[in-house]
Amino acid sequence: MVQGYCVKCRKKVDIKDAKKITMKNGKPATKGSCPKCGTGVFRIGK
């Protein structure tokens, strides 16, 4: 599982429904949601 920081929960969580995306500048990122509160979680990098 990929981990990211949830701003609402204020801790690192496993990203639910993680999808690999490419940002406008061409760098890879991962986008998904927090499994506890449902807030969007975003992580830059592979």
C-alpha atoms as a PDB file:
ATOM      1  CA  MET A   1       0.000   0.000   0.000  1.00  0.00           C
ATOM      2  CA  VAL A   2       1.110   3.534  -0.718  1.00  0.00           C
ATOM      3  CA  GLN A   3       1.092   5.942   2.206  1.00  0.00           C
ATOM      4  CA  GLY A   4       0.324   9.647   2.165  1.00  0.00           C
ATOM      5  CA  TYR A   5      -0.400  12.411   4.693  1.00  0.00           C
ATOM      6  CA  CYS A   6      -4.051  13.151   5.519  1.00  0.00           C
ATOM      7  CA  VAL A   7      -4.422  16.823   6.466  1.00  0.00           C
ATOM      8  CA  LYS A   8      -7.729  16.268   8.260  1.00  0.00           C
ATOM      9  CA  CYS A   9      -6.555  13.290  10.384  1.00  0.00           C
ATOM     10  CA  ARG A  10      -3.064  14.834  10.781  1.00  0.00           C
ATOM     11  CA  LYS A  11      -1.214  11.556  10.258  1.00  0.00           C
ATOM     12  CA  LYS A  12       0.124   9.194   7.594  1.00  0.00           C
ATOM     13  CA  VAL A  13      -2.466   6.802   6.202  1.00  0.00           C
ATOM     14  CA  ASP A  14      -2.640   4.143   3.490  1.00  0.00           C
ATOM     15  CA  ILE A  15      -4.149   5.724   0.380  1.00  0.00           C
ATOM     16  CA  LYS A  16      -7.505   4.149  -0.541  1.00  0.00           C
ATOM     17  CA  ASP A  17      -8.255   3.720  -4.276  1.00  0.00           C
ATOM     18  CA  ALA A  18      -4.741   4.917  -5.165  1.00  0.00           C
ATOM     19  CA  LYS A  19      -4.317   5.937  -8.804  1.00  0.00           C
ATOM     20  CA  LYS A  20      -1.016   6.820 -10.436  1.00  0.00           C
ATOM     21  CA  ILE A  21      -1.208  10.122 -12.313  1.00  0.00           C
ATOM     22  CA  THR A  22       1.182  12.488 -14.056  1.00  0.00           C
ATOM     23  CA  MET A  23       1.250  16.133 -13.033  1.00  0.00           C
ATOM     24  CA  LYS A  24       1.352  19.001 -15.546  1.00  0.00           C
ATOM     25  CA  ASN A  25       5.141  19.249 -15.227  1.00  0.00           C
ATOM     26  CA  GLY A  26       5.519  15.546 -16.095  1.00  0.00           C
ATOM     27  CA  LYS A  27       6.376  14.253 -12.616  1.00  0.00           C
ATOM     28  CA  PRO A  28       4.609  11.147 -11.268  1.00  0.00           C
ATOM     29  CA  ALA A  29       2.177  11.332  -8.351  1.00  0.00           C
ATOM     30  CA  THR A  30      -0.413   9.222  -6.526  1.00  0.00           C
ATOM     31  CA  LYS A  31      -3.951  10.370  -5.819  1.00  0.00           C
ATOM     32  CA  GLY A  32      -6.636   8.758  -3.676  1.00  0.00           C
ATOM     33  CA  SER A  33      -8.607   9.187  -0.471  1.00  0.00           C
ATOM     34  CA  CYS A  34      -8.229   8.621   3.277  1.00  0.00           C
ATOM     35  CA  PRO A  35      -9.838   5.344   4.423  1.00  0.00           C
ATOM     36  CA  LYS A  36     -11.046   6.879   7.717  1.00  0.00           C
ATOM     37  CA  CYS A  37     -12.452  10.320   6.807  1.00  0.00           C
ATOM     38  CA  GLY A  38     -12.675  10.217   2.987  1.00  0.00           C
ATOM     39  CA  THR A  39     -10.601  13.370   2.452  1.00  0.00           C
ATOM     40  CA  GLY A  40      -8.492  13.508  -0.702  1.00  0.00           C
ATOM     41  CA  VAL A  41      -4.860  12.401  -0.224  1.00  0.00           C
ATOM     42  CA  PHE A  42      -2.112  13.319  -2.695  1.00  0.00           C
ATOM     43  CA  ARG A  43       1.508  12.165  -2.796  1.00  0.00           C
ATOM     44  CA  ILE A  44       4.207  13.372  -5.176  1.00  0.00           C
ATOM     45  CA  GLY A  45       6.692  10.765  -6.426  1.00  0.00           C
ATOM     46  CA  LYS A  46       6.610   7.130  -7.457  1.00  0.00           C
END
